[in-house]
Amino acid sequence: MMEQKIDLALAFAQDVLVLDRGRVVHQGASEALRADEAAKVQLFCVGGG
């Protein structure tokens, strides 16, 4: 759902939890994920911009 507006969603959140098929695949500070383009591509299969 949030794949469309990742940076916007991360700007409002303090922490992030990413699930894939019910399993936690990433957990941490939203600010760190927001700054890490490679992690966003890997986790959400999208590019920044």
C-alpha atoms as a PDB file:
ATOM      1  CA  MET A   1       0.000   0.000   0.000  1.00  0.00           C
ATOM      2  CA  MET A   2       2.660   2.532   0.901  1.00  0.00           C
ATOM      3  CA  GLU A   3       4.941   1.622  -2.000  1.00  0.00           C
ATOM      4  CA  GLN A   4       3.465   4.544  -3.937  1.00  0.00           C
ATOM      5  CA  LYS A   5       4.495   7.216  -1.404  1.00  0.00           C
ATOM      6  CA  ILE A   6       7.371   5.698   0.549  1.00  0.00           C
ATOM      7  CA  ASP A   7       9.195   8.931   1.412  1.00  0.00           C
ATOM      8  CA  LEU A   8       5.960  10.659   2.417  1.00  0.00           C
ATOM      9  CA  ALA A   9       4.964   7.796   4.708  1.00  0.00           C
ATOM     10  CA  LEU A  10       8.454   7.591   6.217  1.00  0.00           C
ATOM     11  CA  ALA A  11       8.416  11.342   6.903  1.00  0.00           C
ATOM     12  CA  PHE A  12       5.421  10.888   9.224  1.00  0.00           C
ATOM     13  CA  ALA A  13       6.635   7.751  10.991  1.00  0.00           C
ATOM     14  CA  GLN A  14       9.275   7.462  13.677  1.00  0.00           C
ATOM     15  CA  ASP A  15       9.864   3.736  13.184  1.00  0.00           C
ATOM     16  CA  VAL A  16       9.247   1.368  10.303  1.00  0.00           C
ATOM     17  CA  LEU A  17       8.343  -2.296  10.154  1.00  0.00           C
ATOM     18  CA  VAL A  18       8.309  -3.995   6.744  1.00  0.00           C
ATOM     19  CA  LEU A  19       6.500  -7.295   6.309  1.00  0.00           C
ATOM     20  CA  ASP A  20       6.773  -9.763   3.446  1.00  0.00           C
ATOM     21  CA  ARG A  21       4.241 -12.588   3.476  1.00  0.00           C
ATOM     22  CA  GLY A  22       3.701 -12.077   7.192  1.00  0.00           C
ATOM     23  CA  ARG A  23       7.389 -12.079   8.135  1.00  0.00           C
ATOM     24  CA  VAL A  24       9.362  -9.092   9.378  1.00  0.00           C
ATOM     25  CA  VAL A  25      12.041  -8.315   6.782  1.00  0.00           C
ATOM     26  CA  HIS A  26      13.099  -4.895   8.117  1.00  0.00           C
ATOM     27  CA  GLN A  27      12.665  -2.971  11.335  1.00  0.00           C
ATOM     28  CA  GLY A  28      14.282   0.295  12.336  1.00  0.00           C
ATOM     29  CA  ALA A  29      14.213   4.064  12.301  1.00  0.00           C
ATOM     30  CA  SER A  30      12.245   5.615   9.468  1.00  0.00           C
ATOM     31  CA  GLU A  31      14.841   8.346   8.969  1.00  0.00           C
ATOM     32  CA  ALA A  32      17.566   5.778   8.277  1.00  0.00           C
ATOM     33  CA  LEU A  33      15.453   3.909   5.727  1.00  0.00           C
ATOM     34  CA  ARG A  34      14.368   7.156   4.098  1.00  0.00           C
ATOM     35  CA  ALA A  35      18.029   8.022   3.455  1.00  0.00           C
ATOM     36  CA  ASP A  36      18.959   4.554   2.137  1.00  0.00           C
ATOM     37  CA  GLU A  37      17.915   4.325  -1.522  1.00  0.00           C
ATOM     38  CA  ALA A  38      19.409   0.854  -1.967  1.00  0.00           C
ATOM     39  CA  ALA A  39      17.389  -0.517   0.961  1.00  0.00           C
ATOM     40  CA  LYS A  40      14.180   1.055  -0.381  1.00  0.00           C
ATOM     41  CA  VAL A  41      14.749  -0.517  -3.782  1.00  0.00           C
ATOM     42  CA  GLN A  42      15.436  -3.898  -2.186  1.00  0.00           C
ATOM     43  CA  LEU A  43      12.484  -3.773   0.214  1.00  0.00           C
ATOM     44  CA  PHE A  44       9.883  -2.094  -2.005  1.00  0.00           C
ATOM     45  CA  CYS A  45      11.170  -2.751  -5.541  1.00  0.00           C
ATOM     46  CA  VAL A  46      10.932   0.954  -6.358  1.00  0.00           C
ATOM     47  CA  GLY A  47      13.392   3.744  -7.019  1.00  0.00           C
ATOM     48  CA  GLY A  48      13.487   7.066  -5.259  1.00  0.00           C
ATOM     49  CA  GLY A  49      13.008  10.381  -6.886  1.00  0.00           C
END
